[in-house]
Amino acid sequence: MDEMEIFLRLAFTGLGLILTVLTLASWFRTKEPKVLLAGVGFGMLATEGVLLTAGIFSVDFEAFTSILTMVGLNFLAMMFLYLSILKR
């Protein structure tokens, strides 16, 4: 694993965590269900980033984070973000 891949994994995790924290802080102020759905979606992206970052430190964990797992987490994140736009 080269330095660029490690940097991108850490950057993805950091961005996901920042977006999750900001969205949930906004939800605590507004109590809007739409904002909560967006926060859950960003939380799924942060979870994916944590799983990818954990793969840096463990070869066994890298095998656990298969393409199917990552696609599933991305699908859930996109579904929650889409629902946050749809919900009235």
PDB file of N, CA and C in Angstrom:
ATOM      1  N   MET A   1       0.851  -1.170   0.000  1.00  0.00           N
ATOM      2  CA  MET A   1       0.000   0.000   0.000  1.00  0.00           C
ATOM      3  C   MET A   1       0.900   1.237   0.000  1.00  0.00           C
ATOM      4  N   ASP A   2       0.674   2.108  -0.954  1.00  0.00           N
ATOM      5  CA  ASP A   2       1.537   3.287  -1.055  1.00  0.00           C
ATOM      6  C   ASP A   2       0.970   4.446  -0.224  1.00  0.00           C
ATOM      7  N   GLU A   3       1.749   5.516  -0.153  1.00  0.00           N
ATOM      8  CA  GLU A   3       1.385   6.649   0.690  1.00  0.00           C
ATOM      9  C   GLU A   3       0.125   7.357   0.207  1.00  0.00           C
ATOM     10  N   MET A   4      -0.074   7.409  -1.109  1.00  0.00           N
ATOM     11  CA  MET A   4      -1.256   8.081  -1.645  1.00  0.00           C
ATOM     12  C   MET A   4      -2.542   7.355  -1.233  1.00  0.00           C
ATOM     13  N   GLU A   5      -2.520   6.036  -1.251  1.00  0.00           N
ATOM     14  CA  GLU A   5      -3.700   5.270  -0.848  1.00  0.00           C
ATOM     15  C   GLU A   5      -3.996   5.469   0.637  1.00  0.00           C
ATOM     16  N   ILE A   6      -2.967   5.490   1.451  1.00  0.00           N
ATOM     17  CA  ILE A   6      -3.158   5.728   2.881  1.00  0.00           C
ATOM     18  C   ILE A   6      -3.733   7.120   3.116  1.00  0.00           C
ATOM     19  N   PHE A   7      -3.189   8.116   2.418  1.00  0.00           N
ATOM     20  CA  PHE A   7      -3.694   9.482   2.560  1.00  0.00           C
ATOM     21  C   PHE A   7      -5.159   9.577   2.144  1.00  0.00           C
ATOM     22  N   LEU A   8      -5.519   8.958   1.036  1.00  0.00           N
ATOM     23  CA  LEU A   8      -6.903   9.023   0.560  1.00  0.00           C
ATOM     24  C   LEU A   8      -7.868   8.336   1.517  1.00  0.00           C
ATOM     25  N   ARG A   9      -7.453   7.214   2.085  1.00  0.00           N
ATOM     26  CA  ARG A   9      -8.308   6.523   3.063  1.00  0.00           C
ATOM     27  C   ARG A   9      -8.521   7.385   4.298  1.00  0.00           C
ATOM     28  N   LEU A  10      -7.456   7.997   4.799  1.00  0.00           N
ATOM     29  CA  LEU A  10      -7.579   8.858   5.973  1.00  0.00           C
ATOM     30  C   LEU A  10      -8.388  10.112   5.667  1.00  0.00           C
ATOM     31  N   ALA A  11      -8.208  10.672   4.482  1.00  0.00           N
ATOM     32  CA  ALA A  11      -8.966  11.859   4.087  1.00  0.00           C
ATOM     33  C   ALA A  11     -10.448  11.540   3.954  1.00  0.00           C
ATOM     34  N   PHE A  12     -10.779  10.388   3.381  1.00  0.00           N
ATOM     35  CA  PHE A  12     -12.178   9.966   3.244  1.00  0.00           C
ATOM     36  C   PHE A  12     -12.821   9.794   4.616  1.00  0.00           C
ATOM     37  N   THR A  13     -12.090   9.194   5.529  1.00  0.00           N
ATOM     38  CA  THR A  13     -12.604   9.011   6.885  1.00  0.00           C
ATOM     39  C   THR A  13     -12.828  10.353   7.568  1.00  0.00           C
ATOM     40  N   GLY A  14     -11.849  11.227   7.467  1.00  0.00           N
ATOM     41  CA  GLY A  14     -11.968  12.543   8.094  1.00  0.00           C
ATOM     42  C   GLY A  14     -13.124  13.350   7.530  1.00  0.00           C
ATOM     43  N   LEU A  15     -13.278  13.347   6.222  1.00  0.00           N
ATOM     44  CA  LEU A  15     -14.373  14.084   5.601  1.00  0.00           C
ATOM     45  C   LEU A  15     -15.727  13.509   6.016  1.00  0.00           C
ATOM     46  N   GLY A  16     -15.831  12.192   6.051  1.00  0.00           N
ATOM     47  CA  GLY A  16     -17.083  11.567   6.489  1.00  0.00           C
ATOM     48  C   GLY A  16     -17.422  11.908   7.929  1.00  0.00           C
ATOM     49  N   LEU A  17     -16.415  11.904   8.794  1.00  0.00           N
ATOM     50  CA  LEU A  17     -16.656  12.234  10.199  1.00  0.00           C
ATOM     51  C   LEU A  17     -17.040  13.698  10.380  1.00  0.00           C
ATOM     52  N   ILE A  18     -16.383  14.587   9.649  1.00  0.00           N
ATOM     53  CA  ILE A  18     -16.708  16.015   9.745  1.00  0.00           C
ATOM     54  C   ILE A  18     -18.142  16.267   9.283  1.00  0.00           C
ATOM     55  N   LEU A  19     -18.521  15.684   8.147  1.00  0.00           N
ATOM     56  CA  LEU A  19     -19.882  15.872   7.649  1.00  0.00           C
ATOM     57  C   LEU A  19     -20.916  15.289   8.606  1.00  0.00           C
ATOM     58  N   THR A  20     -20.608  14.152   9.213  1.00  0.00           N
ATOM     59  CA  THR A  20     -21.532  13.543  10.174  1.00  0.00           C
ATOM     60  C   THR A  20     -21.712  14.427  11.399  1.00  0.00           C
ATOM     61  N   VAL A  21     -20.624  14.904  11.949  1.00  0.00           N
ATOM     62  CA  VAL A  21     -20.692  15.737  13.161  1.00  0.00           C
ATOM     63  C   VAL A  21     -21.434  17.041  12.881  1.00  0.00           C
ATOM     64  N   LEU A  22     -21.135  17.690  11.761  1.00  0.00           N
ATOM     65  CA  LEU A  22     -21.810  18.948  11.440  1.00  0.00           C
ATOM     66  C   LEU A  22     -23.302  18.748  11.203  1.00  0.00           C
ATOM     67  N   THR A  23     -23.659  17.673  10.524  1.00  0.00           N
ATOM     68  CA  THR A  23     -25.072  17.426  10.249  1.00  0.00           C
ATOM     69  C   THR A  23     -25.826  17.076  11.527  1.00  0.00           C
ATOM     70  N   LEU A  24     -25.219  16.267  12.384  1.00  0.00           N
ATOM     71  CA  LEU A  24     -25.899  15.915  13.637  1.00  0.00           C
ATOM     72  C   LEU A  24     -25.981  17.114  14.581  1.00  0.00           C
ATOM     73  N   ALA A  25     -24.988  17.986  14.572  1.00  0.00           N
ATOM     74  CA  ALA A  25     -25.067  19.213  15.372  1.00  0.00           C
ATOM     75  C   ALA A  25     -26.204  20.097  14.863  1.00  0.00           C
ATOM     76  N   SER A  26     -26.378  20.150  13.562  1.00  0.00           N
ATOM     77  CA  SER A  26     -27.485  20.899  12.983  1.00  0.00           C
ATOM     78  C   SER A  26     -28.818  20.266  13.357  1.00  0.00           C
ATOM     79  N   TRP A  27     -28.867  18.936  13.392  1.00  0.00           N
ATOM     80  CA  TRP A  27     -30.106  18.256  13.769  1.00  0.00           C
ATOM     81  C   TRP A  27     -30.484  18.552  15.222  1.00  0.00           C
ATOM     82  N   PHE A  28     -29.480  18.602  16.118  1.00  0.00           N
ATOM     83  CA  PHE A  28     -29.778  18.904  17.516  1.00  0.00           C
ATOM     84  C   PHE A  28     -30.393  20.290  17.670  1.00  0.00           C
ATOM     85  N   ARG A  29     -30.023  21.217  16.778  1.00  0.00           N
ATOM     86  CA  ARG A  29     -30.589  22.569  16.849  1.00  0.00           C
ATOM     87  C   ARG A  29     -31.981  22.639  16.233  1.00  0.00           C
ATOM     88  N   THR A  30     -32.203  21.927  15.128  1.00  0.00           N
ATOM     89  CA  THR A  30     -33.448  22.082  14.382  1.00  0.00           C
ATOM     90  C   THR A  30     -34.473  20.993  14.655  1.00  0.00           C
ATOM     91  N   LYS A  31     -34.036  19.796  14.999  1.00  0.00           N
ATOM     92  CA  LYS A  31     -34.900  18.618  15.207  1.00  0.00           C
ATOM     93  C   LYS A  31     -35.718  18.282  13.958  1.00  0.00           C
ATOM     94  N   GLU A  32     -35.178  18.563  12.781  1.00  0.00           N
ATOM     95  CA  GLU A  32     -35.834  18.229  11.518  1.00  0.00           C
ATOM     96  C   GLU A  32     -35.487  16.793  11.128  1.00  0.00           C
ATOM     97  N   PRO A  33     -36.474  15.973  10.788  1.00  0.00           N
ATOM     98  CA  PRO A  33     -36.194  14.585  10.387  1.00  0.00           C
ATOM     99  C   PRO A  33     -35.331  14.498   9.121  1.00  0.00           C
ATOM    100  N   LYS A  34     -35.470  15.470   8.229  1.00  0.00           N
ATOM    101  CA  LYS A  34     -34.673  15.467   7.001  1.00  0.00           C
ATOM    102  C   LYS A  34     -33.179  15.577   7.309  1.00  0.00           C
ATOM    103  N   VAL A  35     -32.850  16.392   8.280  1.00  0.00           N
ATOM    104  CA  VAL A  35     -31.443  16.577   8.643  1.00  0.00           C
ATOM    105  C   VAL A  35     -30.902  15.315   9.312  1.00  0.00           C
ATOM    106  N   LEU A  36     -31.740  14.652  10.094  1.00  0.00           N
ATOM    107  CA  LEU A  36     -31.317  13.401  10.725  1.00  0.00           C
ATOM    108  C   LEU A  36     -31.035  12.331   9.674  1.00  0.00           C
ATOM    109  N   LEU A  37     -31.883  12.234   8.647  1.00  0.00           N
ATOM    110  CA  LEU A  37     -31.643  11.263   7.581  1.00  0.00           C
ATOM    111  C   LEU A  37     -30.334  11.550   6.858  1.00  0.00           C
ATOM    112  N   ALA A  38     -30.052  12.815   6.626  1.00  0.00           N
ATOM    113  CA  ALA A  38     -28.782  13.177   6.000  1.00  0.00           C
ATOM    114  C   ALA A  38     -27.611  12.826   6.918  1.00  0.00           C
ATOM    115  N   GLY A  39     -27.777  13.034   8.216  1.00  0.00           N
ATOM    116  CA  GLY A  39     -26.731  12.682   9.174  1.00  0.00           C
ATOM    117  C   GLY A  39     -26.444  11.190   9.197  1.00  0.00           C
ATOM    118  N   VAL A  40     -27.492  10.390   9.096  1.00  0.00           N
ATOM    119  CA  VAL A  40     -27.309   8.934   9.046  1.00  0.00           C
ATOM    120  C   VAL A  40     -26.583   8.546   7.756  1.00  0.00           C
ATOM    121  N   GLY A  41     -26.937   9.195   6.652  1.00  0.00           N
ATOM    122  CA  GLY A  41     -26.254   8.927   5.383  1.00  0.00           C
ATOM    123  C   GLY A  41     -24.776   9.253   5.460  1.00  0.00           C
ATOM    124  N   PHE A  42     -24.449  10.402   6.027  1.00  0.00           N
ATOM    125  CA  PHE A  42     -23.040  10.755   6.188  1.00  0.00           C
ATOM    126  C   PHE A  42     -22.352   9.832   7.195  1.00  0.00           C
ATOM    127  N   GLY A  43     -23.110   9.350   8.180  1.00  0.00           N
ATOM    128  CA  GLY A  43     -22.556   8.384   9.125  1.00  0.00           C
ATOM    129  C   GLY A  43     -22.181   7.075   8.441  1.00  0.00           C
ATOM    130  N   MET A  44     -22.975   6.661   7.460  1.00  0.00           N
ATOM    131  CA  MET A  44     -22.636   5.452   6.679  1.00  0.00           C
ATOM    132  C   MET A  44     -21.340   5.660   5.910  1.00  0.00           C
ATOM    133  N   LEU A  45     -21.162   6.847   5.348  1.00  0.00           N
ATOM    134  CA  LEU A  45     -19.906   7.134   4.645  1.00  0.00           C
ATOM    135  C   LEU A  45     -18.727   7.152   5.620  1.00  0.00           C
ATOM    136  N   ALA A  46     -18.950   7.683   6.810  1.00  0.00           N
ATOM    137  CA  ALA A  46     -17.887   7.691   7.817  1.00  0.00           C
ATOM    138  C   ALA A  46     -17.555   6.263   8.259  1.00  0.00           C
ATOM    139  N   THR A  47     -18.575   5.414   8.381  1.00  0.00           N
ATOM    140  CA  THR A  47     -18.352   4.016   8.741  1.00  0.00           C
ATOM    141  C   THR A  47     -17.517   3.316   7.675  1.00  0.00           C
ATOM    142  N   GLU A  48     -17.832   3.586   6.423  1.00  0.00           N
ATOM    143  CA  GLU A  48     -17.039   3.004   5.348  1.00  0.00           C
ATOM    144  C   GLU A  48     -15.585   3.482   5.424  1.00  0.00           C
ATOM    145  N   GLY A  49     -15.403   4.756   5.721  1.00  0.00           N
ATOM    146  CA  GLY A  49     -14.042   5.283   5.860  1.00  0.00           C
ATOM    147  C   GLY A  49     -13.284   4.643   7.003  1.00  0.00           C
ATOM    148  N   VAL A  50     -13.968   4.406   8.118  1.00  0.00           N
ATOM    149  CA  VAL A  50     -13.320   3.755   9.261  1.00  0.00           C
ATOM    150  C   VAL A  50     -12.918   2.332   8.897  1.00  0.00           C
ATOM    151  N   LEU A  51     -13.792   1.616   8.185  1.00  0.00           N
ATOM    152  CA  LEU A  51     -13.450   0.260   7.766  1.00  0.00           C
ATOM    153  C   LEU A  51     -12.263   0.262   6.804  1.00  0.00           C
ATOM    154  N   LEU A  52     -12.242   1.202   5.884  1.00  0.00           N
ATOM    155  CA  LEU A  52     -11.109   1.288   4.962  1.00  0.00           C
ATOM    156  C   LEU A  52      -9.820   1.652   5.684  1.00  0.00           C
ATOM    157  N   THR A  53      -9.912   2.561   6.654  1.00  0.00           N
ATOM    158  CA  THR A  53      -8.723   2.964   7.405  1.00  0.00           C
ATOM    159  C   THR A  53      -8.226   1.830   8.282  1.00  0.00           C
ATOM    160  N   ALA A  54      -9.127   1.042   8.845  1.00  0.00           N
ATOM    161  CA  ALA A  54      -8.709  -0.101   9.664  1.00  0.00           C
ATOM    162  C   ALA A  54      -7.952  -1.113   8.819  1.00  0.00           C
ATOM    163  N   GLY A  55      -8.249  -1.166   7.524  1.00  0.00           N
ATOM    164  CA  GLY A  55      -7.530  -2.067   6.630  1.00  0.00           C
ATOM    165  C   GLY A  55      -6.068  -1.702   6.459  1.00  0.00           C
ATOM    166  N   ILE A  56      -5.691  -0.482   6.785  1.00  0.00           N
ATOM    167  CA  ILE A  56      -4.282  -0.074   6.713  1.00  0.00           C
ATOM    168  C   ILE A  56      -3.465  -0.852   7.741  1.00  0.00           C
ATOM    169  N   PHE A  57      -4.040  -1.074   8.906  1.00  0.00           N
ATOM    170  CA  PHE A  57      -3.297  -1.636  10.021  1.00  0.00           C
ATOM    171  C   PHE A  57      -3.391  -3.148  10.137  1.00  0.00           C
ATOM    172  N   SER A  58      -4.355  -3.770   9.459  1.00  0.00           N
ATOM    173  CA  SER A  58      -4.539  -5.201   9.590  1.00  0.00           C
ATOM    174  C   SER A  58      -4.841  -5.829   8.233  1.00  0.00           C
ATOM    175  N   VAL A  59      -4.042  -6.810   7.856  1.00  0.00           N
ATOM    176  CA  VAL A  59      -4.262  -7.503   6.589  1.00  0.00           C
ATOM    177  C   VAL A  59      -5.526  -8.347   6.667  1.00  0.00           C
ATOM    178  N   ASP A  60      -5.796  -8.950   7.826  1.00  0.00           N
ATOM    179  CA  ASP A  60      -7.005  -9.751   7.995  1.00  0.00           C
ATOM    180  C   ASP A  60      -8.259  -8.891   7.862  1.00  0.00           C
ATOM    181  N   PHE A  61      -8.198  -7.691   8.403  1.00  0.00           N
ATOM    182  CA  PHE A  61      -9.343  -6.791   8.320  1.00  0.00           C
ATOM    183  C   PHE A  61      -9.533  -6.276   6.904  1.00  0.00           C
ATOM    184  N   GLU A  62      -8.449  -6.155   6.165  1.00  0.00           N
ATOM    185  CA  GLU A  62      -8.520  -5.729   4.763  1.00  0.00           C
ATOM    186  C   GLU A  62      -9.311  -6.746   3.947  1.00  0.00           C
ATOM    187  N   ALA A  63      -9.154  -8.015   4.247  1.00  0.00           N
ATOM    188  CA  ALA A  63      -9.905  -9.061   3.543  1.00  0.00           C
ATOM    189  C   ALA A  63     -11.388  -9.005   3.899  1.00  0.00           C
ATOM    190  N   PHE A  64     -11.711  -8.555   5.118  1.00  0.00           N
ATOM    191  CA  PHE A  64     -13.103  -8.456   5.551  1.00  0.00           C
ATOM    192  C   PHE A  64     -13.845  -7.356   4.791  1.00  0.00           C
ATOM    193  N   THR A  65     -13.152  -6.304   4.479  1.00  0.00           N
ATOM    194  CA  THR A  65     -13.786  -5.179   3.792  1.00  0.00           C
ATOM    195  C   THR A  65     -13.787  -5.433   2.289  1.00  0.00           C
ATOM    196  N   SER A  66     -14.661  -6.298   1.875  1.00  0.00           N
ATOM    197  CA  SER A  66     -14.733  -6.679   0.467  1.00  0.00           C
ATOM    198  C   SER A  66     -15.456  -5.598  -0.337  1.00  0.00           C
ATOM    199  N   ILE A  67     -15.420  -5.774  -1.628  1.00  0.00           N
ATOM    200  CA  ILE A  67     -16.107  -4.846  -2.518  1.00  0.00           C
ATOM    201  C   ILE A  67     -17.607  -4.843  -2.222  1.00  0.00           C
ATOM    202  N   LEU A  68     -18.167  -6.007  -1.931  1.00  0.00           N
ATOM    203  CA  LEU A  68     -19.595  -6.105  -1.649  1.00  0.00           C
ATOM    204  C   LEU A  68     -19.969  -5.298  -0.403  1.00  0.00           C
ATOM    205  N   THR A  69     -19.131  -5.336   0.615  1.00  0.00           N
ATOM    206  CA  THR A  69     -19.387  -4.562   1.831  1.00  0.00           C
ATOM    207  C   THR A  69     -19.352  -3.071   1.537  1.00  0.00           C
ATOM    208  N   MET A  70     -18.353  -2.637   0.776  1.00  0.00           N
ATOM    209  CA  MET A  70     -18.216  -1.216   0.463  1.00  0.00           C
ATOM    210  C   MET A  70     -19.364  -0.720  -0.421  1.00  0.00           C
ATOM    211  N   VAL A  71     -19.762  -1.531  -1.383  1.00  0.00           N
ATOM    212  CA  VAL A  71     -20.883  -1.152  -2.247  1.00  0.00           C
ATOM    213  C   VAL A  71     -22.170  -1.084  -1.426  1.00  0.00           C
ATOM    214  N   GLY A  72     -22.356  -2.014  -0.509  1.00  0.00           N
ATOM    215  CA  GLY A  72     -23.540  -1.999   0.347  1.00  0.00           C
ATOM    216  C   GLY A  72     -23.599  -0.749   1.216  1.00  0.00           C
ATOM    217  N   LEU A  73     -22.465  -0.356   1.800  1.00  0.00           N
ATOM    218  CA  LEU A  73     -22.443   0.854   2.626  1.00  0.00           C
ATOM    219  C   LEU A  73     -22.686   2.095   1.775  1.00  0.00           C
ATOM    220  N   ASN A  74     -22.113   2.141   0.580  1.00  0.00           N
ATOM    221  CA  ASN A  74     -22.369   3.273  -0.313  1.00  0.00           C
ATOM    222  C   ASN A  74     -23.834   3.338  -0.707  1.00  0.00           C
ATOM    223  N   PHE A  75     -24.437   2.181  -0.971  1.00  0.00           N
ATOM    224  CA  PHE A  75     -25.853   2.146  -1.321  1.00  0.00           C
ATOM    225  C   PHE A  75     -26.710   2.672  -0.175  1.00  0.00           C
ATOM    226  N   LEU A  76     -26.434   2.234   1.040  1.00  0.00           N
ATOM    227  CA  LEU A  76     -27.194   2.727   2.191  1.00  0.00           C
ATOM    228  C   LEU A  76     -27.008   4.225   2.387  1.00  0.00           C
ATOM    229  N   ALA A  77     -25.786   4.701   2.230  1.00  0.00           N
ATOM    230  CA  ALA A  77     -25.530   6.135   2.381  1.00  0.00           C
ATOM    231  C   ALA A  77     -26.306   6.930   1.347  1.00  0.00           C
ATOM    232  N   MET A  78     -26.271   6.496   0.096  1.00  0.00           N
ATOM    233  CA  MET A  78     -26.993   7.212  -0.953  1.00  0.00           C
ATOM    234  C   MET A  78     -28.506   7.142  -0.737  1.00  0.00           C
ATOM    235  N   MET A  79     -29.000   6.013  -0.215  1.00  0.00           N
ATOM    236  CA  MET A  79     -30.426   5.887   0.049  1.00  0.00           C
ATOM    237  C   MET A  79     -30.860   6.870   1.135  1.00  0.00           C
ATOM    238  N   PHE A  80     -30.089   6.972   2.222  1.00  0.00           N
ATOM    239  CA  PHE A  80     -30.443   7.901   3.290  1.00  0.00           C
ATOM    240  C   PHE A  80     -30.331   9.353   2.825  1.00  0.00           C
ATOM    241  N   LEU A  81     -29.311   9.653   2.038  1.00  0.00           N
ATOM    242  CA  LEU A  81     -29.187  11.030   1.527  1.00  0.00           C
ATOM    243  C   LEU A  81     -30.337  11.353   0.572  1.00  0.00           C
ATOM    244  N   TYR A  82     -30.740  10.404  -0.237  1.00  0.00           N
ATOM    245  CA  TYR A  82     -31.873  10.613  -1.137  1.00  0.00           C
ATOM    246  C   TYR A  82     -33.168  10.783  -0.345  1.00  0.00           C
ATOM    247  N   LEU A  83     -33.353   9.974   0.689  1.00  0.00           N
ATOM    248  CA  LEU A  83     -34.548  10.104   1.518  1.00  0.00           C
ATOM    249  C   LEU A  83     -34.606  11.455   2.229  1.00  0.00           C
ATOM    250  N   SER A  84     -33.444  12.000   2.580  1.00  0.00           N
ATOM    251  CA  SER A  84     -33.434  13.312   3.230  1.00  0.00           C
ATOM    252  C   SER A  84     -33.900  14.386   2.267  1.00  0.00           C
ATOM    253  N   ILE A  85     -33.730  14.193   0.989  1.00  0.00           N
ATOM    254  CA  ILE A  85     -34.206  15.153   0.007  1.00  0.00           C
ATOM    255  C   ILE A  85     -35.703  14.944  -0.263  1.00  0.00           C
ATOM    256  N   LEU A  86     -36.137  13.678  -0.283  1.00  0.00           N
ATOM    257  CA  LEU A  86     -37.539  13.364  -0.596  1.00  0.00           C
ATOM    258  C   LEU A  86     -38.516  13.688   0.520  1.00  0.00           C
ATOM    259  N   LYS A  87     -38.093  13.449   1.760  1.00  0.00           N
ATOM    260  CA  LYS A  87     -39.008  13.569   2.901  1.00  0.00           C
ATOM    261  C   LYS A  87     -39.573  14.976   3.007  1.00  0.00           C
ATOM    262  N   ARG A  88     -40.884  15.056   3.189  1.00  0.00           N
ATOM    263  CA  ARG A  88     -41.530  16.378   3.337  1.00  0.00           C
ATOM    264  C   ARG A  88     -41.911  16.647   4.758  1.00  0.00           C
TER     265      ARG A  88
END
